[in-house]
Amino acid sequence: MFVLGIDPGLTRTGYGLVARARPPRVVTAGVIRTDPARPTADRLAELYDDLTELVAQHRPTVMAIERIFTNRNLQTALGVVRASGVALLVAAQAEIPVVEYPPTTVKLAVTGDGNATKAMMGEMVTRRLHLEAPPRPADVADALAIALCHLQSVRMPGGRAAS
């Protein structure tokens, strides 16, 4: 099983492909950046192209994505919603099942604390994936955490099936 974790954002979308193994293994991880000076439609097209290429190259079994949450900053929330929609479209076109997780569920699964800080998340992702250093930027660590959350949930009795 290969889980593609996605931390959606219009300026930065983090991704992390993790293979189910003992311990879980990072296949690839990074961030897709779009230029805020460009028109939104062009940025979404660029995100679509890059995610489509990533999926075609690595053929993940499932996509795990951070569920949209309310944000005080409407512009940021709107960008996240749009980026999420692009990721969902890419998964649907590639016939990859998608599972969404709220941020608190991801934090709880990875650190044991639903209110974990970004620093705590980065440290636990580093430990659990046996990395030399915390992934940077934080969007990459978040995407890897989302993938780990899914791997953990499918192992648990009564865990989520990919849907």
N, C-alpha and C. Protein backbone atom coordinates (compact mmCIF):
# COMPACT_ATOMS: atom_id res chain seq x y z
N MET A 1 0.85 -1.18 0.00
CA MET A 1 0.00 0.00 0.00
C MET A 1 0.89 1.24 0.00
N PHE A 2 0.55 2.17 -0.86
CA PHE A 2 1.24 3.46 -0.93
C PHE A 2 0.19 4.54 -0.68
N VAL A 3 0.41 5.34 0.37
CA VAL A 3 -0.53 6.40 0.73
C VAL A 3 0.09 7.74 0.36
N LEU A 4 -0.65 8.49 -0.44
CA LEU A 4 -0.23 9.84 -0.79
C LEU A 4 -0.94 10.81 0.14
N GLY A 5 -0.18 11.38 1.08
CA GLY A 5 -0.73 12.38 1.98
C GLY A 5 -0.65 13.75 1.33
N ILE A 6 -1.72 14.51 1.45
CA ILE A 6 -1.79 15.84 0.86
C ILE A 6 -2.18 16.86 1.92
N ASP A 7 -1.36 17.91 2.04
CA ASP A 7 -1.67 19.07 2.87
C ASP A 7 -1.96 20.21 1.90
N PRO A 8 -3.25 20.44 1.57
CA PRO A 8 -3.59 21.36 0.49
C PRO A 8 -3.39 22.83 0.83
N GLY A 9 -2.99 23.57 -0.16
CA GLY A 9 -2.86 25.01 -0.07
C GLY A 9 -2.63 25.57 -1.45
N LEU A 10 -3.05 26.78 -1.70
CA LEU A 10 -2.88 27.36 -3.03
C LEU A 10 -1.44 27.80 -3.27
N THR A 11 -0.80 28.36 -2.28
CA THR A 11 0.59 28.79 -2.44
C THR A 11 1.54 27.61 -2.28
N ARG A 12 1.25 26.75 -1.28
CA ARG A 12 2.08 25.56 -1.04
C ARG A 12 1.18 24.38 -0.75
N THR A 13 1.31 23.32 -1.54
CA THR A 13 0.64 22.06 -1.27
C THR A 13 1.72 21.04 -0.93
N GLY A 14 1.68 20.56 0.30
CA GLY A 14 2.64 19.54 0.71
C GLY A 14 2.15 18.17 0.27
N TYR A 15 3.11 17.32 -0.09
CA TYR A 15 2.75 15.94 -0.42
C TYR A 15 3.79 15.00 0.18
N GLY A 16 3.32 13.81 0.51
CA GLY A 16 4.22 12.79 1.03
C GLY A 16 3.68 11.42 0.69
N LEU A 17 4.46 10.64 -0.04
CA LEU A 17 4.06 9.28 -0.40
C LEU A 17 4.78 8.33 0.54
N VAL A 18 4.00 7.56 1.29
CA VAL A 18 4.55 6.66 2.30
C VAL A 18 4.12 5.24 1.96
N ALA A 19 5.09 4.32 1.98
CA ALA A 19 4.82 2.91 1.74
C ALA A 19 4.54 2.22 3.05
N ARG A 20 3.56 1.34 3.05
CA ARG A 20 3.30 0.54 4.24
C ARG A 20 4.42 -0.48 4.34
N ALA A 21 5.15 -0.38 5.41
CA ALA A 21 6.26 -1.29 5.69
C ALA A 21 6.49 -1.21 7.19
N ARG A 22 7.44 -1.96 7.68
CA ARG A 22 7.81 -1.89 9.10
C ARG A 22 9.25 -1.49 9.18
N PRO A 23 9.57 -0.27 9.49
CA PRO A 23 8.68 0.88 9.70
C PRO A 23 8.21 1.44 8.36
N PRO A 24 7.18 2.31 8.40
CA PRO A 24 6.73 2.95 7.15
C PRO A 24 7.90 3.66 6.49
N ARG A 25 7.87 3.70 5.16
CA ARG A 25 9.00 4.25 4.40
C ARG A 25 8.53 5.37 3.48
N VAL A 26 9.28 6.48 3.48
CA VAL A 26 8.98 7.60 2.59
C VAL A 26 9.49 7.26 1.19
N VAL A 27 8.60 7.33 0.21
CA VAL A 27 8.97 7.11 -1.18
C VAL A 27 9.38 8.45 -1.80
N THR A 28 8.57 9.45 -1.59
CA THR A 28 8.87 10.80 -2.06
C THR A 28 8.07 11.79 -1.22
N ALA A 29 8.59 12.98 -1.12
CA ALA A 29 7.88 14.03 -0.38
C ALA A 29 8.39 15.38 -0.88
N GLY A 30 7.54 16.37 -0.78
CA GLY A 30 7.94 17.70 -1.22
C GLY A 30 6.78 18.66 -1.15
N VAL A 31 6.95 19.75 -1.84
CA VAL A 31 5.92 20.78 -1.85
C VAL A 31 5.77 21.31 -3.27
N ILE A 32 4.53 21.53 -3.64
CA ILE A 32 4.22 22.16 -4.93
C ILE A 32 3.92 23.61 -4.62
N ARG A 33 4.67 24.51 -5.22
CA ARG A 33 4.50 25.94 -4.97
C ARG A 33 3.91 26.61 -6.21
N THR A 34 3.01 27.55 -5.95
CA THR A 34 2.50 28.38 -7.05
C THR A 34 2.76 29.83 -6.69
N ASP A 35 2.92 30.63 -7.70
CA ASP A 35 3.28 32.04 -7.54
C ASP A 35 2.03 32.87 -7.23
N PRO A 36 1.97 33.48 -6.03
CA PRO A 36 0.80 34.28 -5.65
C PRO A 36 0.54 35.46 -6.60
N ALA A 37 1.52 35.86 -7.38
CA ALA A 37 1.33 36.98 -8.31
C ALA A 37 0.57 36.56 -9.56
N ARG A 38 0.48 35.26 -9.80
CA ARG A 38 -0.21 34.77 -11.00
C ARG A 38 -1.71 34.68 -10.75
N PRO A 39 -2.52 34.68 -11.80
CA PRO A 39 -3.97 34.52 -11.64
C PRO A 39 -4.31 33.17 -10.99
N THR A 40 -5.35 33.17 -10.18
CA THR A 40 -5.75 31.96 -9.46
C THR A 40 -5.98 30.77 -10.40
N ALA A 41 -6.64 31.00 -11.50
CA ALA A 41 -6.92 29.90 -12.43
C ALA A 41 -5.62 29.26 -12.94
N ASP A 42 -4.62 30.07 -13.22
CA ASP A 42 -3.33 29.54 -13.68
C ASP A 42 -2.65 28.74 -12.59
N ARG A 43 -2.76 29.22 -11.35
CA ARG A 43 -2.15 28.52 -10.23
C ARG A 43 -2.82 27.17 -10.00
N LEU A 44 -4.14 27.13 -10.12
CA LEU A 44 -4.86 25.87 -9.96
C LEU A 44 -4.51 24.89 -11.08
N ALA A 45 -4.36 25.40 -12.29
CA ALA A 45 -3.95 24.54 -13.41
C ALA A 45 -2.56 23.98 -13.17
N GLU A 46 -1.65 24.80 -12.66
CA GLU A 46 -0.30 24.33 -12.35
C GLU A 46 -0.33 23.25 -11.27
N LEU A 47 -1.12 23.46 -10.23
CA LEU A 47 -1.27 22.46 -9.17
C LEU A 47 -1.84 21.17 -9.73
N TYR A 48 -2.85 21.28 -10.58
CA TYR A 48 -3.45 20.11 -11.22
C TYR A 48 -2.40 19.34 -12.02
N ASP A 49 -1.65 20.03 -12.84
CA ASP A 49 -0.63 19.37 -13.67
C ASP A 49 0.41 18.66 -12.81
N ASP A 50 0.89 19.34 -11.76
CA ASP A 50 1.92 18.74 -10.91
C ASP A 50 1.40 17.54 -10.13
N LEU A 51 0.18 17.64 -9.59
CA LEU A 51 -0.39 16.50 -8.87
C LEU A 51 -0.69 15.33 -9.81
N THR A 52 -1.16 15.65 -11.00
CA THR A 52 -1.44 14.59 -11.99
C THR A 52 -0.16 13.85 -12.34
N GLU A 53 0.92 14.58 -12.54
CA GLU A 53 2.23 13.96 -12.84
C GLU A 53 2.70 13.10 -11.67
N LEU A 54 2.55 13.60 -10.45
CA LEU A 54 2.96 12.86 -9.26
C LEU A 54 2.19 11.55 -9.14
N VAL A 55 0.89 11.59 -9.33
CA VAL A 55 0.05 10.40 -9.25
C VAL A 55 0.40 9.42 -10.38
N ALA A 56 0.60 9.91 -11.58
CA ALA A 56 0.94 9.04 -12.71
C ALA A 56 2.29 8.37 -12.49
N GLN A 57 3.23 9.09 -11.93
CA GLN A 57 4.57 8.54 -11.71
C GLN A 57 4.60 7.50 -10.60
N HIS A 58 3.83 7.71 -9.51
CA HIS A 58 3.96 6.85 -8.34
C HIS A 58 2.78 5.92 -8.09
N ARG A 59 1.66 6.13 -8.73
CA ARG A 59 0.47 5.28 -8.62
C ARG A 59 0.12 4.91 -7.18
N PRO A 60 -0.21 5.89 -6.35
CA PRO A 60 -0.57 5.58 -4.96
C PRO A 60 -1.84 4.72 -4.88
N THR A 61 -1.95 3.98 -3.81
CA THR A 61 -3.12 3.13 -3.57
C THR A 61 -4.30 3.95 -3.10
N VAL A 62 -4.00 4.99 -2.30
CA VAL A 62 -5.03 5.82 -1.71
C VAL A 62 -4.46 7.22 -1.48
N MET A 63 -5.34 8.21 -1.51
CA MET A 63 -4.93 9.58 -1.18
C MET A 63 -5.59 9.92 0.17
N ALA A 64 -4.77 10.40 1.08
CA ALA A 64 -5.27 10.89 2.37
C ALA A 64 -5.04 12.40 2.37
N ILE A 65 -6.08 13.14 2.67
CA ILE A 65 -6.00 14.59 2.56
C ILE A 65 -6.54 15.23 3.84
N GLU A 66 -5.96 16.35 4.19
CA GLU A 66 -6.45 17.06 5.37
C GLU A 66 -7.81 17.67 5.05
N ARG A 67 -8.77 17.36 5.90
CA ARG A 67 -10.12 17.91 5.73
C ARG A 67 -10.10 19.40 5.99
N ILE A 68 -10.86 20.11 5.22
CA ILE A 68 -10.94 21.56 5.35
C ILE A 68 -11.51 21.91 6.71
N PHE A 69 -10.89 22.89 7.32
CA PHE A 69 -11.37 23.39 8.61
C PHE A 69 -11.59 24.89 8.47
N THR A 70 -12.34 25.44 9.38
CA THR A 70 -12.58 26.89 9.31
C THR A 70 -11.32 27.62 9.68
N ASN A 71 -11.10 28.67 8.99
CA ASN A 71 -9.90 29.47 9.22
C ASN A 71 -10.34 30.92 9.40
N ARG A 72 -9.68 31.60 10.30
CA ARG A 72 -10.05 33.00 10.52
C ARG A 72 -9.77 33.85 9.28
N ASN A 73 -8.78 33.46 8.51
CA ASN A 73 -8.41 34.21 7.32
C ASN A 73 -9.18 33.63 6.13
N LEU A 74 -10.16 34.36 5.65
CA LEU A 74 -11.01 33.89 4.55
C LEU A 74 -10.21 33.62 3.29
N GLN A 75 -9.24 34.46 2.97
CA GLN A 75 -8.42 34.26 1.76
C GLN A 75 -7.65 32.94 1.84
N THR A 76 -7.07 32.66 3.00
CA THR A 76 -6.33 31.41 3.18
C THR A 76 -7.27 30.23 3.05
N ALA A 77 -8.42 30.31 3.71
CA ALA A 77 -9.40 29.22 3.66
C ALA A 77 -9.86 28.96 2.23
N LEU A 78 -10.10 30.02 1.48
CA LEU A 78 -10.54 29.87 0.10
C LEU A 78 -9.48 29.17 -0.74
N GLY A 79 -8.21 29.53 -0.55
CA GLY A 79 -7.12 28.87 -1.27
C GLY A 79 -7.03 27.39 -0.93
N VAL A 80 -7.20 27.07 0.34
CA VAL A 80 -7.16 25.67 0.77
C VAL A 80 -8.30 24.88 0.15
N VAL A 81 -9.49 25.46 0.15
CA VAL A 81 -10.65 24.80 -0.46
C VAL A 81 -10.41 24.54 -1.94
N ARG A 82 -9.90 25.53 -2.64
CA ARG A 82 -9.65 25.37 -4.08
C ARG A 82 -8.58 24.31 -4.33
N ALA A 83 -7.50 24.34 -3.56
CA ALA A 83 -6.44 23.34 -3.73
C ALA A 83 -6.95 21.94 -3.40
N SER A 84 -7.78 21.83 -2.39
CA SER A 84 -8.37 20.53 -2.04
C SER A 84 -9.22 19.99 -3.18
N GLY A 85 -9.99 20.87 -3.78
CA GLY A 85 -10.82 20.46 -4.91
C GLY A 85 -9.98 19.93 -6.06
N VAL A 86 -8.86 20.57 -6.33
CA VAL A 86 -7.97 20.10 -7.39
C VAL A 86 -7.42 18.71 -7.04
N ALA A 87 -6.98 18.53 -5.80
CA ALA A 87 -6.45 17.23 -5.38
C ALA A 87 -7.52 16.14 -5.50
N LEU A 88 -8.74 16.45 -5.08
CA LEU A 88 -9.83 15.48 -5.18
C LEU A 88 -10.12 15.12 -6.64
N LEU A 89 -10.07 16.11 -7.51
CA LEU A 89 -10.28 15.87 -8.94
C LEU A 89 -9.19 14.96 -9.50
N VAL A 90 -7.95 15.21 -9.16
CA VAL A 90 -6.84 14.38 -9.65
C VAL A 90 -7.04 12.94 -9.18
N ALA A 91 -7.41 12.75 -7.93
CA ALA A 91 -7.64 11.40 -7.40
C ALA A 91 -8.80 10.73 -8.13
N ALA A 92 -9.89 11.45 -8.33
CA ALA A 92 -11.05 10.87 -9.01
C ALA A 92 -10.71 10.45 -10.43
N GLN A 93 -9.98 11.30 -11.14
CA GLN A 93 -9.62 10.96 -12.52
C GLN A 93 -8.69 9.76 -12.59
N ALA A 94 -7.86 9.57 -11.56
CA ALA A 94 -6.94 8.42 -11.53
C ALA A 94 -7.58 7.21 -10.84
N GLU A 95 -8.84 7.36 -10.43
CA GLU A 95 -9.58 6.30 -9.75
C GLU A 95 -8.88 5.82 -8.48
N ILE A 96 -8.38 6.80 -7.73
CA ILE A 96 -7.72 6.54 -6.45
C ILE A 96 -8.70 6.91 -5.34
N PRO A 97 -8.97 6.00 -4.42
CA PRO A 97 -9.85 6.34 -3.30
C PRO A 97 -9.25 7.47 -2.46
N VAL A 98 -10.11 8.27 -1.86
CA VAL A 98 -9.68 9.40 -1.03
C VAL A 98 -10.31 9.27 0.35
N VAL A 99 -9.49 9.54 1.37
CA VAL A 99 -9.97 9.61 2.75
C VAL A 99 -9.53 10.96 3.30
N GLU A 100 -10.46 11.65 3.97
CA GLU A 100 -10.15 12.95 4.54
C GLU A 100 -10.08 12.84 6.07
N TYR A 101 -9.11 13.54 6.65
CA TYR A 101 -8.93 13.53 8.10
C TYR A 101 -8.87 14.96 8.62
N PRO A 102 -9.59 15.24 9.70
CA PRO A 102 -9.47 16.57 10.32
C PRO A 102 -8.08 16.73 10.96
N PRO A 103 -7.59 17.95 11.05
CA PRO A 103 -6.26 18.17 11.62
C PRO A 103 -6.09 17.57 13.02
N THR A 104 -7.11 17.65 13.86
CA THR A 104 -6.97 17.11 15.22
C THR A 104 -6.82 15.60 15.22
N THR A 105 -7.45 14.92 14.28
CA THR A 105 -7.32 13.46 14.17
C THR A 105 -5.90 13.10 13.75
N VAL A 106 -5.35 13.85 12.81
CA VAL A 106 -3.97 13.60 12.35
C VAL A 106 -3.00 13.81 13.52
N LYS A 107 -3.16 14.91 14.23
CA LYS A 107 -2.28 15.21 15.36
C LYS A 107 -2.37 14.13 16.42
N LEU A 108 -3.57 13.69 16.73
CA LEU A 108 -3.77 12.66 17.74
C LEU A 108 -3.12 11.34 17.31
N ALA A 109 -3.31 10.97 16.04
CA ALA A 109 -2.75 9.71 15.54
C ALA A 109 -1.23 9.72 15.54
N VAL A 110 -0.63 10.84 15.20
CA VAL A 110 0.83 10.90 15.04
C VAL A 110 1.54 11.18 16.35
N THR A 111 0.96 12.04 17.20
CA THR A 111 1.66 12.45 18.43
C THR A 111 0.99 11.97 19.71
N GLY A 112 -0.27 11.57 19.62
CA GLY A 112 -1.02 11.23 20.82
C GLY A 112 -1.67 12.44 21.46
N ASP A 113 -1.56 13.60 20.82
CA ASP A 113 -2.10 14.86 21.34
C ASP A 113 -2.81 15.60 20.21
N GLY A 114 -4.12 15.72 20.30
CA GLY A 114 -4.90 16.39 19.26
C GLY A 114 -4.63 17.87 19.14
N ASN A 115 -3.87 18.43 20.09
CA ASN A 115 -3.52 19.85 20.05
C ASN A 115 -2.02 20.04 19.83
N ALA A 116 -1.36 19.06 19.26
CA ALA A 116 0.10 19.13 19.07
C ALA A 116 0.49 20.34 18.23
N THR A 117 1.66 20.87 18.52
CA THR A 117 2.20 22.00 17.76
C THR A 117 2.84 21.50 16.48
N LYS A 118 3.14 22.44 15.58
CA LYS A 118 3.86 22.09 14.35
C LYS A 118 5.20 21.44 14.68
N ALA A 119 5.89 21.97 15.69
CA ALA A 119 7.19 21.43 16.08
C ALA A 119 7.06 19.98 16.56
N MET A 120 6.03 19.72 17.38
CA MET A 120 5.81 18.35 17.86
C MET A 120 5.50 17.41 16.70
N MET A 121 4.70 17.89 15.76
CA MET A 121 4.35 17.07 14.60
C MET A 121 5.60 16.74 13.79
N GLY A 122 6.42 17.76 13.53
CA GLY A 122 7.65 17.54 12.76
C GLY A 122 8.57 16.54 13.44
N GLU A 123 8.69 16.64 14.75
CA GLU A 123 9.55 15.72 15.51
C GLU A 123 9.04 14.29 15.45
N MET A 124 7.74 14.10 15.62
CA MET A 124 7.18 12.75 15.60
C MET A 124 7.22 12.14 14.19
N VAL A 125 6.98 12.94 13.18
CA VAL A 125 7.09 12.45 11.80
C VAL A 125 8.53 12.00 11.55
N THR A 126 9.49 12.78 12.01
CA THR A 126 10.91 12.45 11.86
C THR A 126 11.22 11.12 12.54
N ARG A 127 10.76 10.96 13.74
CA ARG A 127 11.01 9.71 14.50
C ARG A 127 10.34 8.52 13.86
N ARG A 128 9.05 8.67 13.55
CA ARG A 128 8.28 7.51 13.06
C ARG A 128 8.71 7.07 11.67
N LEU A 129 9.24 8.00 10.88
CA LEU A 129 9.70 7.64 9.53
C LEU A 129 11.22 7.47 9.46
N HIS A 130 11.88 7.55 10.61
CA HIS A 130 13.34 7.37 10.69
C HIS A 130 14.08 8.30 9.74
N LEU A 131 13.69 9.57 9.77
CA LEU A 131 14.33 10.58 8.94
C LEU A 131 15.49 11.21 9.71
N GLU A 132 16.43 11.78 9.00
CA GLU A 132 17.58 12.42 9.65
C GLU A 132 17.22 13.76 10.26
N ALA A 133 16.24 14.46 9.68
CA ALA A 133 15.85 15.77 10.16
C ALA A 133 14.36 15.97 9.87
N PRO A 134 13.72 16.87 10.61
CA PRO A 134 12.31 17.14 10.32
C PRO A 134 12.13 17.65 8.89
N PRO A 135 11.12 17.16 8.19
CA PRO A 135 10.87 17.63 6.82
C PRO A 135 10.54 19.11 6.80
N ARG A 136 11.05 19.81 5.81
CA ARG A 136 10.80 21.24 5.64
C ARG A 136 10.33 21.49 4.23
N PRO A 137 9.43 22.43 4.02
CA PRO A 137 8.73 23.21 5.03
C PRO A 137 7.71 22.36 5.78
N ALA A 138 7.01 22.97 6.73
CA ALA A 138 6.05 22.25 7.58
C ALA A 138 4.95 21.58 6.75
N ASP A 139 4.67 22.08 5.56
CA ASP A 139 3.64 21.47 4.70
C ASP A 139 4.01 20.03 4.34
N VAL A 140 5.31 19.77 4.19
CA VAL A 140 5.77 18.42 3.87
C VAL A 140 5.58 17.52 5.07
N ALA A 141 5.96 18.00 6.25
CA ALA A 141 5.77 17.22 7.48
C ALA A 141 4.28 16.93 7.69
N ASP A 142 3.44 17.91 7.42
CA ASP A 142 2.00 17.72 7.58
C ASP A 142 1.47 16.66 6.61
N ALA A 143 1.92 16.69 5.37
CA ALA A 143 1.49 15.70 4.38
C ALA A 143 1.93 14.30 4.79
N LEU A 144 3.16 14.16 5.27
CA LEU A 144 3.64 12.86 5.75
C LEU A 144 2.84 12.40 6.96
N ALA A 145 2.48 13.33 7.83
CA ALA A 145 1.68 13.00 9.01
C ALA A 145 0.30 12.50 8.59
N ILE A 146 -0.28 13.10 7.59
CA ILE A 146 -1.59 12.67 7.09
C ILE A 146 -1.50 11.25 6.54
N ALA A 147 -0.44 10.95 5.81
CA ALA A 147 -0.23 9.59 5.29
C ALA A 147 -0.06 8.60 6.45
N LEU A 148 0.73 8.97 7.45
CA LEU A 148 0.92 8.10 8.62
C LEU A 148 -0.40 7.87 9.35
N CYS A 149 -1.20 8.91 9.49
CA CYS A 149 -2.50 8.80 10.12
C CYS A 149 -3.35 7.75 9.41
N HIS A 150 -3.35 7.79 8.09
CA HIS A 150 -4.15 6.82 7.34
C HIS A 150 -3.60 5.40 7.53
N LEU A 151 -2.29 5.25 7.43
CA LEU A 151 -1.71 3.91 7.63
C LEU A 151 -2.07 3.37 9.00
N GLN A 152 -2.03 4.20 9.99
CA GLN A 152 -2.38 3.78 11.35
C GLN A 152 -3.87 3.43 11.44
N SER A 153 -4.72 4.21 10.81
CA SER A 153 -6.16 3.97 10.93
C SER A 153 -6.59 2.70 10.22
N VAL A 154 -5.94 2.31 9.14
CA VAL A 154 -6.34 1.09 8.45
C VAL A 154 -5.83 -0.15 9.16
N ARG A 155 -4.86 0.00 10.06
CA ARG A 155 -4.35 -1.12 10.84
C ARG A 155 -5.21 -1.40 12.06
N MET A 156 -5.92 -0.36 12.52
CA MET A 156 -6.69 -0.50 13.76
C MET A 156 -7.98 -1.25 13.50
N PRO A 157 -8.41 -2.10 14.47
CA PRO A 157 -9.71 -2.74 14.33
C PRO A 157 -10.80 -1.69 14.19
N GLY A 158 -11.64 -1.85 13.21
CA GLY A 158 -12.70 -0.87 12.98
C GLY A 158 -12.17 0.40 12.35
N GLY A 159 -10.92 0.37 11.87
CA GLY A 159 -10.32 1.54 11.22
C GLY A 159 -11.05 1.88 9.94
N ARG A 160 -10.80 3.06 9.45
CA ARG A 160 -11.49 3.54 8.25
C ARG A 160 -11.06 2.73 7.03
N ALA A 161 -11.99 2.38 6.24
CA ALA A 161 -11.68 1.84 4.91
C ALA A 161 -11.53 3.03 4.00
N ALA A 162 -10.69 2.90 3.02
CA ALA A 162 -10.53 3.99 2.05
C ALA A 162 -11.86 4.18 1.33
N SER A 163 -12.33 5.42 1.31
CA SER A 163 -13.59 5.69 0.62
C SER A 163 -13.53 7.01 -0.06
